[in-house]
Structure formats: C-alpha cells, structure tokens
C-alpha cells in the first residue's frame, strides 16, 4: 500500500509545487499510522511538506512545521 508505512505514501506528503520535497518526519508518519490503526479509518493528508517558496506563496510562517515535515 504505502511506501512510508502500511497506509501512507511519500506522495501524500509531497510539496504541492512539485519541487520534489517529499520526506516527512518518520515520527509523524508512525504517529499517523498508529492513529489510523486505532480509529480504523483513513486519514487524509491535506497539507504535508512545503518548500520555502511554496510556504511563502501560501502565507505560511517562516518557522512552519510544514517546512520540517512535522
């Protein structure tokens, strides 16, 4: 199914600008997988990683956790 965990794929976390940034924190992925296993429901990632340029475009904070993959 996923390439990061049983239910999550790198592509779900990729920056929307298609710059290639797609490496979320493995701690985050593990926590999301654990939560999904508990609730037995899909979790949809609506905003994962952002590169600096994309973060500026969407008005993100300079220290946004999106920049760090958290």
C-alpha atoms as a PDB file:
ATOM      1  CA  UNK A   1       0.000   0.000   0.000  1.00  0.00           C
ATOM      2  CA  UNK A   2       2.167   2.882   1.248  1.00  0.00           C
ATOM      3  CA  UNK A   3       5.885   3.322   0.783  1.00  0.00           C
ATOM      4  CA  UNK A   4       6.376   5.034   4.185  1.00  0.00           C
ATOM      5  CA  UNK A   5       4.079   2.839   6.251  1.00  0.00           C
ATOM      6  CA  UNK A   6       1.260   0.399   5.693  1.00  0.00           C
ATOM      7  CA  UNK A   7      -1.186   3.176   4.767  1.00  0.00           C
ATOM      8  CA  UNK A   8       0.874   6.267   3.987  1.00  0.00           C
ATOM      9  CA  UNK A   9       2.857   7.137   0.879  1.00  0.00           C
ATOM     10  CA  UNK A  10       5.521   9.743   0.280  1.00  0.00           C
ATOM     11  CA  UNK A  11       3.361  11.290  -2.445  1.00  0.00           C
ATOM     12  CA  UNK A  12       0.696  12.227   0.140  1.00  0.00           C
ATOM     13  CA  UNK A  13       3.191  14.492   1.904  1.00  0.00           C
ATOM     14  CA  UNK A  14       4.845  15.984  -1.205  1.00  0.00           C
ATOM     15  CA  UNK A  15       5.040  19.748  -1.678  1.00  0.00           C
ATOM     16  CA  UNK A  16       2.236  20.995  -3.931  1.00  0.00           C
ATOM     17  CA  UNK A  17       4.645  22.919  -6.183  1.00  0.00           C
ATOM     18  CA  UNK A  18       6.132  19.606  -7.355  1.00  0.00           C
ATOM     19  CA  UNK A  19       9.661  20.648  -6.372  1.00  0.00           C
ATOM     20  CA  UNK A  20      10.357  17.098  -5.232  1.00  0.00           C
ATOM     21  CA  UNK A  21      10.261  17.737  -1.480  1.00  0.00           C
ATOM     22  CA  UNK A  22       8.565  14.649  -0.053  1.00  0.00           C
ATOM     23  CA  UNK A  23      10.392  13.432   3.058  1.00  0.00           C
ATOM     24  CA  UNK A  24       8.136  13.830   6.100  1.00  0.00           C
ATOM     25  CA  UNK A  25       9.283  13.098   9.628  1.00  0.00           C
ATOM     26  CA  UNK A  26       9.156   9.365  10.240  1.00  0.00           C
ATOM     27  CA  UNK A  27       7.955  10.132  13.770  1.00  0.00           C
ATOM     28  CA  UNK A  28       4.938  11.880  12.210  1.00  0.00           C
ATOM     29  CA  UNK A  29       4.279   9.004   9.824  1.00  0.00           C
ATOM     30  CA  UNK A  30       4.494   6.462  12.652  1.00  0.00           C
ATOM     31  CA  UNK A  31       2.115   8.518  14.812  1.00  0.00           C
ATOM     32  CA  UNK A  32      -0.374   8.887  11.954  1.00  0.00           C
ATOM     33  CA  UNK A  33      -0.194   5.163  11.247  1.00  0.00           C
ATOM     34  CA  UNK A  34      -0.782   4.363  14.917  1.00  0.00           C
ATOM     35  CA  UNK A  35      -3.785   6.717  14.999  1.00  0.00           C
ATOM     36  CA  UNK A  36      -5.177   5.213  11.798  1.00  0.00           C
ATOM     37  CA  UNK A  37      -4.835   1.721  13.257  1.00  0.00           C
ATOM     38  CA  UNK A  38      -6.698   2.806  16.398  1.00  0.00           C
ATOM     39  CA  UNK A  39      -9.590   4.546  14.641  1.00  0.00           C
ATOM     40  CA  UNK A  40      -9.664   2.100  11.727  1.00  0.00           C
ATOM     41  CA  UNK A  41     -10.477   4.954   9.343  1.00  0.00           C
ATOM     42  CA  UNK A  42      -8.479   6.618   6.569  1.00  0.00           C
ATOM     43  CA  UNK A  43      -6.596   9.811   7.421  1.00  0.00           C
ATOM     44  CA  UNK A  44      -6.289  12.257   4.547  1.00  0.00           C
ATOM     45  CA  UNK A  45      -3.178  14.440   4.474  1.00  0.00           C
ATOM     46  CA  UNK A  46      -4.353  17.785   3.081  1.00  0.00           C
ATOM     47  CA  UNK A  47      -1.140  19.741   3.570  1.00  0.00           C
ATOM     48  CA  UNK A  48       2.145  17.958   4.032  1.00  0.00           C
ATOM     49  CA  UNK A  49       5.559  19.348   3.261  1.00  0.00           C
ATOM     50  CA  UNK A  50       6.223  22.788   1.813  1.00  0.00           C
ATOM     51  CA  UNK A  51       9.404  24.137   0.324  1.00  0.00           C
ATOM     52  CA  UNK A  52      10.351  27.686   1.365  1.00  0.00           C
ATOM     53  CA  UNK A  53       8.900  29.178  -1.828  1.00  0.00           C
ATOM     54  CA  UNK A  54       5.566  27.346  -1.513  1.00  0.00           C
ATOM     55  CA  UNK A  55       5.349  28.269   2.152  1.00  0.00           C
ATOM     56  CA  UNK A  56       5.750  31.959   1.207  1.00  0.00           C
ATOM     57  CA  UNK A  57       3.129  31.639  -1.563  1.00  0.00           C
ATOM     58  CA  UNK A  58       0.524  30.315   0.856  1.00  0.00           C
ATOM     59  CA  UNK A  59       1.383  32.796   3.608  1.00  0.00           C
ATOM     60  CA  UNK A  60       2.960  30.219   5.907  1.00  0.00           C
ATOM     61  CA  UNK A  61       5.031  31.188   8.901  1.00  0.00           C
ATOM     62  CA  UNK A  62       8.810  31.284   8.438  1.00  0.00           C
ATOM     63  CA  UNK A  63       9.200  28.541  11.079  1.00  0.00           C
ATOM     64  CA  UNK A  64       6.244  26.440   9.863  1.00  0.00           C
ATOM     65  CA  UNK A  65       6.307  22.749  10.743  1.00  0.00           C
ATOM     66  CA  UNK A  66       5.393  22.125   7.082  1.00  0.00           C
ATOM     67  CA  UNK A  67       8.970  23.147   6.203  1.00  0.00           C
ATOM     68  CA  UNK A  68      10.325  20.495   8.553  1.00  0.00           C
ATOM     69  CA  UNK A  69       7.945  17.710   7.613  1.00  0.00           C
ATOM     70  CA  UNK A  70       6.428  17.652  11.068  1.00  0.00           C
END
